[in-house]
Every structure is written in C-alpha cells, then in structure tokens.
Amino acid sequence: MKFYTVRIGKKPGIYTSRDECKQYVDGFPGAKYKWFSSLQQAQEALKNSYENYYESKPKDQRKTQDLPFEKHSIAVDAACSGNPWALEYKWVDLKSGEILFHQKFPLWTNNIGEFLAIVHGLSYLKKNNSDKAIYSDSKHAMKWVEQKKCKTKLEKNSDSESIFQIIKQAEDRLSTHTYSNKILKRNTKEWWEIPADFWRK
C-alpha cells in the first residue's frame, strides 16, 4: 500500500489514492509531494518541511538517492494520446514549479517527444546561459541524445515528412553544439512521477 503526502498543494495531507493526490497537486505551482511505503514515513514528511525531510541526515551520511532532486534543474516530459498520435511536451522548473514551455504537435510518437524535449531544453538553457541540469524519465531519449541520433521506428512518408525535418534539425544541433548541462534520469520509482508529467498513465 502506498501513502501519498502532499506537503505543498491545494490541500496538504496524506492520501492513499494516487488519483486523489493528483487533484491536489496537478496545476499547483511549486507543489511538493511524494509517495511512501509506510504511514509513518508519510506522516514524518508531512510534519517536517519537504526539504527538511530529505536533508535531515548529515551530509556525509546522505546517499544520492535520498535527495528528491537537484533543485537547480528543469524537468522535461512528453505525452502522446496513442502512438503515433497527437503529442505535447513541456518543461517545469523544479525549484519554482513554473511551467517554462508547453507545446502541442499533431502527429508524433512519445519517444520522439521525449527526445526533442531534451534537445529543446538544452538549447533553451544554453541561450539563457544557464547551467541547470535536465531531468528526464526516458532512458531511450537520453540515449538518443547521447548518440546524437533519434532512432525512431516511425515510418517516413508524406504525412511524417515535417516531423523528420524537425528531428534532423535537432540532430544537427547536437552535432554542432556542445552542452555542459547534466542530463539526469528521474527515479520515478523512488521519487514518484516527474514533475512535468501529464498524468495520463
């Protein structure tokens, strides 16, 4: 059984339903929430501040996985209503909870969206001289960015021609530019859904 703690949201509290928790954090700027495997842990996180709960251990005793996220960062995520189908992706600032970018597209796959969200995020951060990290929950997209190649299985035809043009632009950007920003994997099992999630699972 999981216990969902909403520390900052429309209605802070402890919930046993993911859907119930969702209604109190979805669309709330700077929402702080996490699931726990025991009621005691959930009560502890609610009693203390979200940051204090994770940072209560001395620095030399803390493990990386104990921290909810690197705060100086943005989260990116994509959602697709079908595969391929209408797609959208967005970025969220993990410190403020602000949605930095949100765009919809007519016909893509989810993996393409995850890939382009990272590449677009890298370009955005470089343009703004920001050293923020990027969190993604897509291993495929992160690997494609590392390889500078979007290895989608989407069929190339007249309907998808415009999509492949945008993919080519992203691949060229990765090949001709260097980025110092870290790309980190969001540990959704331990940290719950990525803050840029569209809540469609």
N, C-alpha and C. Protein backbone atom coordinates (compact mmCIF):
# COMPACT_ATOMS: atom_id res chain seq x y z
N MET A 1 0.83 -1.19 0.00
CA MET A 1 0.00 0.00 0.00
C MET A 1 0.88 1.24 0.00
N LYS A 2 0.50 2.25 -0.77
CA LYS A 2 1.25 3.49 -0.85
C LYS A 2 0.51 4.62 -0.15
N PHE A 3 1.28 5.53 0.44
CA PHE A 3 0.73 6.70 1.10
C PHE A 3 1.29 7.93 0.40
N TYR A 4 0.42 8.78 -0.07
CA TYR A 4 0.81 9.95 -0.85
C TYR A 4 0.75 11.20 0.03
N THR A 5 1.91 11.80 0.25
CA THR A 5 1.99 13.00 1.08
C THR A 5 2.03 14.24 0.20
N VAL A 6 1.07 15.13 0.40
CA VAL A 6 1.08 16.43 -0.26
C VAL A 6 1.52 17.44 0.79
N ARG A 7 2.74 17.91 0.68
CA ARG A 7 3.28 18.87 1.65
C ARG A 7 2.87 20.28 1.26
N ILE A 8 2.97 20.58 -0.03
CA ILE A 8 2.52 21.88 -0.55
C ILE A 8 1.62 21.61 -1.74
N GLY A 9 0.42 22.08 -1.69
CA GLY A 9 -0.54 21.85 -2.77
C GLY A 9 -1.88 22.48 -2.43
N LYS A 10 -2.90 22.14 -3.19
CA LYS A 10 -4.23 22.72 -2.96
C LYS A 10 -4.79 22.31 -1.61
N LYS A 11 -4.45 21.09 -1.16
CA LYS A 11 -4.93 20.59 0.12
C LYS A 11 -3.89 19.63 0.70
N PRO A 12 -2.93 20.16 1.49
CA PRO A 12 -1.90 19.31 2.08
C PRO A 12 -2.51 18.21 2.93
N GLY A 13 -1.87 17.05 2.91
CA GLY A 13 -2.38 15.94 3.69
C GLY A 13 -1.80 14.63 3.21
N ILE A 14 -2.31 13.54 3.72
CA ILE A 14 -1.86 12.19 3.35
C ILE A 14 -3.04 11.47 2.71
N TYR A 15 -2.77 10.87 1.54
CA TYR A 15 -3.83 10.20 0.79
C TYR A 15 -3.38 8.80 0.40
N THR A 16 -4.32 7.90 0.27
CA THR A 16 -3.99 6.53 -0.10
C THR A 16 -4.31 6.24 -1.56
N SER A 17 -4.78 7.25 -2.27
CA SER A 17 -5.12 7.11 -3.67
C SER A 17 -4.29 8.08 -4.51
N ARG A 18 -3.66 7.57 -5.54
CA ARG A 18 -2.87 8.42 -6.44
C ARG A 18 -3.77 9.45 -7.11
N ASP A 19 -4.96 9.04 -7.52
CA ASP A 19 -5.88 9.96 -8.19
C ASP A 19 -6.33 11.08 -7.27
N GLU A 20 -6.54 10.74 -6.00
CA GLU A 20 -6.95 11.77 -5.03
C GLU A 20 -5.81 12.76 -4.82
N CYS A 21 -4.59 12.24 -4.71
CA CYS A 21 -3.42 13.11 -4.55
C CYS A 21 -3.28 14.03 -5.75
N LYS A 22 -3.49 13.48 -6.92
CA LYS A 22 -3.32 14.21 -8.17
C LYS A 22 -4.16 15.48 -8.21
N GLN A 23 -5.38 15.39 -7.72
CA GLN A 23 -6.26 16.55 -7.81
C GLN A 23 -5.81 17.71 -6.93
N TYR A 24 -4.94 17.41 -5.94
CA TYR A 24 -4.47 18.46 -5.05
C TYR A 24 -3.09 19.02 -5.42
N VAL A 25 -2.43 18.42 -6.43
CA VAL A 25 -1.12 18.92 -6.85
C VAL A 25 -1.08 19.32 -8.32
N ASP A 26 -1.94 18.72 -9.12
CA ASP A 26 -1.93 18.99 -10.55
C ASP A 26 -2.26 20.46 -10.81
N GLY A 27 -1.34 21.15 -11.51
CA GLY A 27 -1.57 22.55 -11.84
C GLY A 27 -1.25 23.52 -10.72
N PHE A 28 -0.75 23.01 -9.58
CA PHE A 28 -0.41 23.88 -8.45
C PHE A 28 1.08 24.23 -8.52
N PRO A 29 1.43 25.51 -8.74
CA PRO A 29 2.85 25.91 -8.86
C PRO A 29 3.64 25.57 -7.60
N GLY A 30 4.76 24.92 -7.78
CA GLY A 30 5.63 24.59 -6.66
C GLY A 30 5.11 23.50 -5.75
N ALA A 31 4.20 22.66 -6.25
CA ALA A 31 3.65 21.57 -5.44
C ALA A 31 4.76 20.64 -4.96
N LYS A 32 4.67 20.20 -3.71
CA LYS A 32 5.65 19.28 -3.13
C LYS A 32 4.90 18.02 -2.69
N TYR A 33 5.27 16.88 -3.25
CA TYR A 33 4.54 15.65 -2.93
C TYR A 33 5.43 14.45 -3.21
N LYS A 34 5.08 13.32 -2.61
CA LYS A 34 5.86 12.10 -2.79
C LYS A 34 5.08 10.94 -2.18
N TRP A 35 5.32 9.74 -2.69
CA TRP A 35 4.67 8.57 -2.10
C TRP A 35 5.65 7.84 -1.19
N PHE A 36 5.07 7.17 -0.18
CA PHE A 36 5.87 6.42 0.80
C PHE A 36 5.24 5.04 0.99
N SER A 37 6.04 4.12 1.43
CA SER A 37 5.55 2.75 1.62
C SER A 37 4.99 2.52 3.02
N SER A 38 5.15 3.50 3.91
CA SER A 38 4.59 3.36 5.26
C SER A 38 3.93 4.66 5.69
N LEU A 39 2.92 4.54 6.53
CA LEU A 39 2.21 5.71 7.04
C LEU A 39 3.13 6.57 7.89
N GLN A 40 4.02 5.93 8.63
CA GLN A 40 4.94 6.67 9.50
C GLN A 40 5.84 7.61 8.69
N GLN A 41 6.36 7.10 7.57
CA GLN A 41 7.21 7.93 6.72
C GLN A 41 6.41 9.10 6.15
N ALA A 42 5.19 8.81 5.73
CA ALA A 42 4.33 9.86 5.16
C ALA A 42 4.03 10.93 6.19
N GLN A 43 3.76 10.52 7.43
CA GLN A 43 3.47 11.48 8.49
C GLN A 43 4.69 12.33 8.82
N GLU A 44 5.87 11.71 8.76
CA GLU A 44 7.12 12.42 9.01
C GLU A 44 7.32 13.51 7.96
N ALA A 45 7.09 13.15 6.69
CA ALA A 45 7.28 14.09 5.60
C ALA A 45 6.28 15.24 5.67
N LEU A 46 5.08 14.95 6.17
CA LEU A 46 4.06 15.99 6.29
C LEU A 46 4.36 16.92 7.46
N LYS A 47 4.85 16.34 8.54
CA LYS A 47 5.14 17.11 9.75
C LYS A 47 6.29 18.07 9.52
N ASN A 48 7.35 17.59 8.88
CA ASN A 48 8.51 18.42 8.58
C ASN A 48 8.34 19.03 7.21
N SER A 49 9.19 19.98 6.87
CA SER A 49 9.11 20.55 5.53
C SER A 49 9.62 19.51 4.54
N TYR A 50 9.22 19.65 3.30
CA TYR A 50 9.63 18.69 2.27
C TYR A 50 11.14 18.62 2.19
N GLU A 51 11.80 19.79 2.21
CA GLU A 51 13.25 19.83 2.10
C GLU A 51 13.92 19.22 3.34
N ASN A 52 13.38 19.55 4.52
CA ASN A 52 13.98 19.04 5.76
C ASN A 52 13.90 17.53 5.84
N TYR A 53 12.83 16.96 5.32
CA TYR A 53 12.68 15.51 5.38
C TYR A 53 13.82 14.82 4.65
N TYR A 54 14.19 15.36 3.51
CA TYR A 54 15.25 14.73 2.72
C TYR A 54 16.64 15.14 3.17
N GLU A 55 16.74 16.28 3.80
CA GLU A 55 18.06 16.80 4.15
C GLU A 55 18.35 16.72 5.65
N SER A 56 17.63 15.84 6.33
CA SER A 56 17.80 15.73 7.78
C SER A 56 19.07 14.99 8.17
N LYS A 57 19.61 14.21 7.25
CA LYS A 57 20.82 13.46 7.57
C LYS A 57 22.06 14.35 7.41
N PRO A 58 23.12 14.12 8.19
CA PRO A 58 24.37 14.83 7.97
C PRO A 58 24.85 14.57 6.54
N LYS A 59 25.50 15.54 5.94
CA LYS A 59 25.89 15.42 4.54
C LYS A 59 26.72 14.17 4.27
N ASP A 60 27.61 13.83 5.22
CA ASP A 60 28.48 12.69 4.97
C ASP A 60 27.75 11.36 5.08
N GLN A 61 26.50 11.36 5.59
CA GLN A 61 25.73 10.12 5.71
C GLN A 61 24.66 10.00 4.64
N ARG A 62 24.49 11.06 3.84
CA ARG A 62 23.43 11.04 2.85
C ARG A 62 23.85 10.29 1.60
N LYS A 63 22.91 9.63 0.99
CA LYS A 63 23.15 9.00 -0.30
C LYS A 63 22.42 9.80 -1.37
N THR A 64 22.91 9.73 -2.59
CA THR A 64 22.30 10.49 -3.66
C THR A 64 20.81 10.21 -3.79
N GLN A 65 20.43 8.95 -3.66
CA GLN A 65 19.02 8.60 -3.84
C GLN A 65 18.12 9.09 -2.71
N ASP A 66 18.73 9.60 -1.61
CA ASP A 66 17.92 10.14 -0.53
C ASP A 66 17.37 11.52 -0.89
N LEU A 67 18.01 12.21 -1.83
CA LEU A 67 17.57 13.55 -2.19
C LEU A 67 16.49 13.46 -3.26
N PRO A 68 15.44 14.29 -3.15
CA PRO A 68 14.34 14.20 -4.12
C PRO A 68 14.74 14.62 -5.52
N PHE A 69 15.58 15.63 -5.62
CA PHE A 69 16.07 16.05 -6.92
C PHE A 69 17.12 17.14 -6.75
N GLU A 70 17.87 17.38 -7.79
CA GLU A 70 18.80 18.51 -7.79
C GLU A 70 17.96 19.75 -8.10
N LYS A 71 17.86 20.65 -7.16
CA LYS A 71 16.91 21.75 -7.28
C LYS A 71 17.25 22.72 -8.41
N HIS A 72 18.53 22.86 -8.73
CA HIS A 72 18.94 23.77 -9.80
C HIS A 72 18.78 23.04 -11.13
N SER A 73 17.53 22.82 -11.55
CA SER A 73 17.29 21.98 -12.72
C SER A 73 15.89 22.20 -13.26
N ILE A 74 15.66 21.62 -14.45
CA ILE A 74 14.32 21.60 -15.03
C ILE A 74 13.97 20.15 -15.34
N ALA A 75 12.68 19.86 -15.36
CA ALA A 75 12.20 18.52 -15.74
C ALA A 75 11.50 18.63 -17.08
N VAL A 76 11.71 17.64 -17.94
CA VAL A 76 11.03 17.63 -19.24
C VAL A 76 10.26 16.33 -19.38
N ASP A 77 9.12 16.41 -20.05
CA ASP A 77 8.35 15.20 -20.26
C ASP A 77 7.42 15.39 -21.46
N ALA A 78 7.06 14.27 -22.07
CA ALA A 78 6.15 14.29 -23.22
C ALA A 78 5.00 13.35 -22.97
N ALA A 79 3.90 13.59 -23.66
CA ALA A 79 2.73 12.72 -23.56
C ALA A 79 2.12 12.57 -24.93
N CYS A 80 1.71 11.35 -25.23
CA CYS A 80 1.15 11.04 -26.54
C CYS A 80 -0.15 10.28 -26.37
N SER A 81 -1.22 10.77 -26.98
CA SER A 81 -2.52 10.10 -26.91
C SER A 81 -2.60 9.06 -28.02
N GLY A 82 -1.87 7.97 -27.85
CA GLY A 82 -1.74 6.96 -28.89
C GLY A 82 -0.31 6.93 -29.37
N ASN A 83 0.00 6.08 -30.31
CA ASN A 83 1.38 6.01 -30.77
C ASN A 83 1.44 5.51 -32.22
N PRO A 84 1.54 6.35 -33.26
CA PRO A 84 1.69 7.81 -33.12
C PRO A 84 0.33 8.49 -33.00
N TRP A 85 0.33 9.67 -32.41
CA TRP A 85 -0.90 10.44 -32.26
C TRP A 85 -0.53 11.85 -31.82
N ALA A 86 -1.56 12.63 -31.46
CA ALA A 86 -1.29 14.00 -31.01
C ALA A 86 -0.35 13.97 -29.81
N LEU A 87 0.65 14.83 -29.83
CA LEU A 87 1.68 14.81 -28.80
C LEU A 87 1.93 16.21 -28.26
N GLU A 88 2.38 16.27 -27.02
CA GLU A 88 2.78 17.53 -26.42
C GLU A 88 3.93 17.28 -25.46
N TYR A 89 4.73 18.30 -25.22
CA TYR A 89 5.76 18.19 -24.20
C TYR A 89 5.93 19.53 -23.50
N LYS A 90 6.49 19.46 -22.30
CA LYS A 90 6.68 20.68 -21.52
C LYS A 90 7.90 20.56 -20.62
N TRP A 91 8.32 21.69 -20.12
CA TRP A 91 9.40 21.75 -19.14
C TRP A 91 8.86 22.41 -17.89
N VAL A 92 9.37 21.98 -16.73
CA VAL A 92 8.99 22.57 -15.45
C VAL A 92 10.24 22.89 -14.65
N ASP A 93 10.32 24.10 -14.11
CA ASP A 93 11.42 24.47 -13.23
C ASP A 93 11.21 23.76 -11.90
N LEU A 94 12.18 22.96 -11.47
CA LEU A 94 11.99 22.14 -10.28
C LEU A 94 12.08 22.92 -8.97
N LYS A 95 12.59 24.12 -9.02
CA LYS A 95 12.66 24.93 -7.80
C LYS A 95 11.37 25.71 -7.59
N SER A 96 10.87 26.33 -8.65
CA SER A 96 9.68 27.18 -8.53
C SER A 96 8.38 26.46 -8.89
N GLY A 97 8.50 25.37 -9.67
CA GLY A 97 7.32 24.68 -10.15
C GLY A 97 6.70 25.34 -11.37
N GLU A 98 7.34 26.38 -11.88
CA GLU A 98 6.82 27.12 -13.03
C GLU A 98 6.94 26.30 -14.32
N ILE A 99 5.90 26.31 -15.13
CA ILE A 99 5.96 25.70 -16.46
C ILE A 99 6.67 26.67 -17.38
N LEU A 100 7.83 26.29 -17.89
CA LEU A 100 8.64 27.17 -18.72
C LEU A 100 8.24 27.10 -20.19
N PHE A 101 7.74 25.95 -20.61
CA PHE A 101 7.42 25.76 -22.02
C PHE A 101 6.40 24.65 -22.15
N HIS A 102 5.46 24.83 -23.05
CA HIS A 102 4.44 23.81 -23.28
C HIS A 102 3.98 23.95 -24.73
N GLN A 103 4.16 22.88 -25.50
CA GLN A 103 3.80 22.94 -26.91
C GLN A 103 3.14 21.64 -27.35
N LYS A 104 2.20 21.77 -28.28
CA LYS A 104 1.48 20.61 -28.80
C LYS A 104 1.82 20.42 -30.28
N PHE A 105 1.79 19.15 -30.70
CA PHE A 105 2.12 18.81 -32.07
C PHE A 105 1.08 17.82 -32.61
N PRO A 106 0.90 17.77 -33.92
CA PRO A 106 -0.19 16.95 -34.48
C PRO A 106 0.01 15.44 -34.49
N LEU A 107 1.19 14.96 -34.88
CA LEU A 107 1.34 13.51 -35.08
C LEU A 107 2.78 13.08 -34.85
N TRP A 108 3.09 12.69 -33.62
CA TRP A 108 4.41 12.19 -33.31
C TRP A 108 4.28 10.98 -32.40
N THR A 109 5.45 10.41 -32.02
CA THR A 109 5.43 9.33 -31.03
C THR A 109 5.98 9.89 -29.71
N ASN A 110 5.72 9.18 -28.64
CA ASN A 110 6.15 9.66 -27.33
C ASN A 110 7.67 9.77 -27.23
N ASN A 111 8.39 8.78 -27.75
CA ASN A 111 9.85 8.81 -27.67
C ASN A 111 10.44 9.98 -28.45
N ILE A 112 9.84 10.31 -29.58
CA ILE A 112 10.29 11.48 -30.33
C ILE A 112 10.11 12.73 -29.48
N GLY A 113 8.94 12.81 -28.84
CA GLY A 113 8.67 13.97 -27.99
C GLY A 113 9.65 14.09 -26.84
N GLU A 114 9.98 12.96 -26.20
CA GLU A 114 10.94 12.96 -25.09
C GLU A 114 12.32 13.42 -25.58
N PHE A 115 12.71 12.93 -26.75
CA PHE A 115 14.00 13.30 -27.34
C PHE A 115 14.05 14.80 -27.63
N LEU A 116 13.04 15.31 -28.31
CA LEU A 116 13.03 16.72 -28.69
C LEU A 116 12.89 17.63 -27.47
N ALA A 117 12.18 17.16 -26.45
CA ALA A 117 12.04 17.96 -25.24
C ALA A 117 13.41 18.20 -24.59
N ILE A 118 14.26 17.17 -24.59
CA ILE A 118 15.60 17.32 -24.02
C ILE A 118 16.45 18.26 -24.88
N VAL A 119 16.44 18.02 -26.20
CA VAL A 119 17.25 18.85 -27.10
C VAL A 119 16.80 20.30 -27.03
N HIS A 120 15.50 20.52 -27.06
CA HIS A 120 14.96 21.87 -26.97
C HIS A 120 15.33 22.50 -25.63
N GLY A 121 15.29 21.68 -24.56
CA GLY A 121 15.67 22.17 -23.24
C GLY A 121 17.13 22.57 -23.18
N LEU A 122 18.00 21.78 -23.78
CA LEU A 122 19.43 22.11 -23.83
C LEU A 122 19.65 23.44 -24.55
N SER A 123 18.96 23.63 -25.67
CA SER A 123 19.09 24.87 -26.43
C SER A 123 18.60 26.07 -25.63
N TYR A 124 17.48 25.87 -24.92
CA TYR A 124 16.92 26.93 -24.09
C TYR A 124 17.90 27.35 -23.01
N LEU A 125 18.48 26.37 -22.31
CA LEU A 125 19.41 26.66 -21.23
C LEU A 125 20.68 27.32 -21.75
N LYS A 126 21.18 26.87 -22.90
CA LYS A 126 22.38 27.46 -23.48
C LYS A 126 22.12 28.92 -23.87
N LYS A 127 20.96 29.16 -24.48
CA LYS A 127 20.60 30.52 -24.90
C LYS A 127 20.52 31.45 -23.70
N ASN A 128 20.10 30.93 -22.56
CA ASN A 128 19.95 31.74 -21.36
C ASN A 128 21.16 31.64 -20.41
N ASN A 129 22.25 31.08 -20.92
CA ASN A 129 23.49 30.95 -20.14
C ASN A 129 23.24 30.29 -18.78
N SER A 130 22.44 29.25 -18.79
CA SER A 130 22.08 28.56 -17.55
C SER A 130 22.81 27.22 -17.45
N ASP A 131 23.28 26.91 -16.26
CA ASP A 131 23.95 25.63 -16.05
C ASP A 131 23.03 24.62 -15.37
N LYS A 132 21.73 24.87 -15.41
CA LYS A 132 20.78 23.95 -14.79
C LYS A 132 20.86 22.56 -15.42
N ALA A 133 20.57 21.56 -14.62
CA ALA A 133 20.51 20.19 -15.12
C ALA A 133 19.13 19.94 -15.72
N ILE A 134 19.02 18.86 -16.48
CA ILE A 134 17.74 18.46 -17.06
C ILE A 134 17.40 17.06 -16.57
N TYR A 135 16.19 16.90 -16.05
CA TYR A 135 15.70 15.59 -15.65
C TYR A 135 14.75 15.05 -16.71
N SER A 136 14.92 13.78 -17.03
CA SER A 136 14.02 13.08 -17.94
C SER A 136 13.74 11.69 -17.36
N ASP A 137 12.56 11.15 -17.63
CA ASP A 137 12.29 9.78 -17.18
C ASP A 137 12.35 8.79 -18.33
N SER A 138 12.92 9.24 -19.47
CA SER A 138 13.01 8.39 -20.66
C SER A 138 14.45 7.95 -20.93
N LYS A 139 14.74 6.67 -20.70
CA LYS A 139 16.07 6.14 -20.98
C LYS A 139 16.36 6.18 -22.48
N HIS A 140 15.33 5.91 -23.29
CA HIS A 140 15.52 5.93 -24.74
C HIS A 140 15.94 7.32 -25.21
N ALA A 141 15.21 8.34 -24.78
CA ALA A 141 15.51 9.71 -25.21
C ALA A 141 16.89 10.14 -24.76
N MET A 142 17.26 9.80 -23.54
CA MET A 142 18.58 10.17 -23.04
C MET A 142 19.69 9.50 -23.85
N LYS A 143 19.46 8.25 -24.22
CA LYS A 143 20.45 7.53 -25.02
C LYS A 143 20.54 8.13 -26.42
N TRP A 144 19.40 8.48 -27.00
CA TRP A 144 19.40 9.09 -28.33
C TRP A 144 20.14 10.42 -28.32
N VAL A 145 19.94 11.21 -27.27
CA VAL A 145 20.64 12.50 -27.17
C VAL A 145 22.14 12.26 -27.05
N GLU A 146 22.52 11.28 -26.25
CA GLU A 146 23.94 10.94 -26.10
C GLU A 146 24.55 10.52 -27.44
N GLN A 147 23.78 9.75 -28.21
CA GLN A 147 24.25 9.27 -29.51
C GLN A 147 24.02 10.29 -30.63
N LYS A 148 23.32 11.38 -30.30
CA LYS A 148 23.02 12.46 -31.25
C LYS A 148 22.21 11.95 -32.44
N LYS A 149 21.36 10.98 -32.16
CA LYS A 149 20.55 10.36 -33.22
C LYS A 149 19.22 9.88 -32.67
N CYS A 150 18.13 10.35 -33.29
CA CYS A 150 16.79 9.92 -32.89
C CYS A 150 16.46 8.63 -33.65
N LYS A 151 16.53 7.51 -32.96
CA LYS A 151 16.36 6.21 -33.61
C LYS A 151 14.91 5.75 -33.56
N THR A 152 14.02 6.61 -34.01
CA THR A 152 12.60 6.28 -34.03
C THR A 152 12.27 5.25 -35.10
N LYS A 153 11.25 4.46 -34.85
CA LYS A 153 10.78 3.48 -35.83
C LYS A 153 9.58 4.01 -36.62
N LEU A 154 9.27 5.28 -36.40
CA LEU A 154 8.17 5.90 -37.13
C LEU A 154 8.46 5.86 -38.63
N GLU A 155 7.49 5.46 -39.41
CA GLU A 155 7.67 5.35 -40.86
C GLU A 155 7.79 6.72 -41.49
N LYS A 156 8.75 6.85 -42.39
CA LYS A 156 8.96 8.12 -43.08
C LYS A 156 8.09 8.14 -44.35
N ASN A 157 7.13 9.05 -44.38
CA ASN A 157 6.25 9.20 -45.55
C ASN A 157 5.80 10.65 -45.66
N SER A 158 4.87 10.91 -46.55
CA SER A 158 4.44 12.29 -46.79
C SER A 158 3.79 12.90 -45.54
N ASP A 159 3.13 12.08 -44.73
CA ASP A 159 2.48 12.59 -43.52
C ASP A 159 3.48 12.94 -42.43
N SER A 160 4.59 12.22 -42.39
CA SER A 160 5.57 12.45 -41.33
C SER A 160 6.79 13.26 -41.79
N GLU A 161 6.75 13.74 -43.00
CA GLU A 161 7.90 14.47 -43.55
C GLU A 161 8.30 15.66 -42.68
N SER A 162 7.33 16.43 -42.23
CA SER A 162 7.64 17.62 -41.42
C SER A 162 8.26 17.22 -40.08
N ILE A 163 7.83 16.07 -39.55
CA ILE A 163 8.37 15.59 -38.28
C ILE A 163 9.86 15.29 -38.43
N PHE A 164 10.21 14.58 -39.52
CA PHE A 164 11.60 14.21 -39.73
C PHE A 164 12.48 15.43 -40.02
N GLN A 165 11.91 16.48 -40.55
CA GLN A 165 12.67 17.71 -40.75
C GLN A 165 13.06 18.31 -39.40
N ILE A 166 12.12 18.30 -38.46
CA ILE A 166 12.40 18.84 -37.12
C ILE A 166 13.40 17.95 -36.38
N ILE A 167 13.26 16.63 -36.55
CA ILE A 167 14.21 15.69 -35.94
C ILE A 167 15.61 15.96 -36.47
N LYS A 168 15.72 16.16 -37.80
CA LYS A 168 17.03 16.43 -38.42
C LYS A 168 17.64 17.71 -37.85
N GLN A 169 16.83 18.72 -37.65
CA GLN A 169 17.33 19.97 -37.06
C GLN A 169 17.87 19.74 -35.66
N ALA A 170 17.16 18.91 -34.89
CA ALA A 170 17.61 18.61 -33.53
C ALA A 170 18.92 17.82 -33.54
N GLU A 171 19.02 16.85 -34.43
CA GLU A 171 20.25 16.05 -34.53
C GLU A 171 21.43 16.93 -34.95
N ASP A 172 21.19 17.83 -35.91
CA ASP A 172 22.25 18.74 -36.35
C ASP A 172 22.70 19.65 -35.21
N ARG A 173 21.74 20.08 -34.40
CA ARG A 173 22.06 20.95 -33.27
C ARG A 173 22.96 20.23 -32.27
N LEU A 174 22.67 18.96 -32.04
CA LEU A 174 23.50 18.18 -31.12
C LEU A 174 24.90 17.97 -31.67
N SER A 175 24.99 17.85 -32.99
CA SER A 175 26.28 17.58 -33.63
C SER A 175 27.15 18.83 -33.73
N THR A 176 26.54 19.99 -33.77
CA THR A 176 27.30 21.23 -33.99
C THR A 176 27.45 22.09 -32.74
N HIS A 177 26.81 21.67 -31.64
CA HIS A 177 26.91 22.45 -30.40
C HIS A 177 27.33 21.54 -29.24
N THR A 178 27.98 22.14 -28.28
CA THR A 178 28.33 21.41 -27.07
C THR A 178 27.52 21.96 -25.90
N TYR A 179 27.14 21.07 -25.00
CA TYR A 179 26.33 21.47 -23.85
C TYR A 179 26.96 20.92 -22.58
N SER A 180 27.08 21.78 -21.58
CA SER A 180 27.67 21.36 -20.31
C SER A 180 26.61 20.93 -19.29
N ASN A 181 25.35 21.12 -19.62
CA ASN A 181 24.27 20.78 -18.70
C ASN A 181 24.17 19.26 -18.49
N LYS A 182 24.02 18.86 -17.26
CA LYS A 182 23.85 17.44 -16.95
C LYS A 182 22.44 16.99 -17.34
N ILE A 183 22.34 15.78 -17.88
CA ILE A 183 21.05 15.18 -18.18
C ILE A 183 20.89 14.00 -17.22
N LEU A 184 19.93 14.09 -16.32
CA LEU A 184 19.79 13.12 -15.25
C LEU A 184 18.52 12.31 -15.39
N LYS A 185 18.60 11.05 -14.98
CA LYS A 185 17.43 10.17 -15.03
C LYS A 185 16.56 10.37 -13.79
N ARG A 186 15.31 10.64 -14.02
CA ARG A 186 14.36 10.79 -12.91
C ARG A 186 14.02 9.41 -12.37
N ASN A 187 14.28 9.19 -11.09
CA ASN A 187 13.99 7.92 -10.45
C ASN A 187 12.52 7.91 -10.04
N THR A 188 11.64 7.56 -10.96
CA THR A 188 10.20 7.63 -10.69
C THR A 188 9.75 6.61 -9.66
N LYS A 189 10.48 5.52 -9.53
CA LYS A 189 10.09 4.50 -8.54
C LYS A 189 10.23 5.04 -7.13
N GLU A 190 11.30 5.80 -6.88
CA GLU A 190 11.55 6.32 -5.55
C GLU A 190 11.00 7.73 -5.36
N TRP A 191 10.99 8.52 -6.44
CA TRP A 191 10.63 9.94 -6.32
C TRP A 191 9.25 10.25 -6.89
N TRP A 192 8.54 9.22 -7.32
CA TRP A 192 7.22 9.36 -7.92
C TRP A 192 7.36 9.99 -9.32
N GLU A 193 6.25 10.39 -9.91
CA GLU A 193 6.29 10.86 -11.29
C GLU A 193 7.10 12.14 -11.44
N ILE A 194 7.69 12.31 -12.61
CA ILE A 194 8.44 13.51 -12.90
C ILE A 194 7.48 14.71 -12.83
N PRO A 195 7.91 15.85 -12.27
CA PRO A 195 7.00 17.00 -12.11
C PRO A 195 6.42 17.54 -13.42
N ALA A 196 7.02 17.20 -14.55
CA ALA A 196 6.46 17.64 -15.83
C ALA A 196 5.46 16.63 -16.39
N ASP A 197 5.14 15.61 -15.62
CA ASP A 197 4.26 14.55 -16.08
C ASP A 197 2.87 15.08 -16.44
N PHE A 198 2.22 14.43 -17.42
CA PHE A 198 0.89 14.85 -17.85
C PHE A 198 -0.23 14.06 -17.18
N TRP A 199 0.11 13.12 -16.28
CA TRP A 199 -0.87 12.36 -15.52
C TRP A 199 -1.84 11.58 -16.42
N ARG A 200 -1.28 10.86 -17.39
CA ARG A 200 -2.13 10.09 -18.29
C ARG A 200 -1.89 8.60 -18.18
N LYS A 201 -1.13 8.16 -17.20
CA LYS A 201 -0.81 6.74 -17.07
C LYS A 201 -1.99 5.99 -16.47
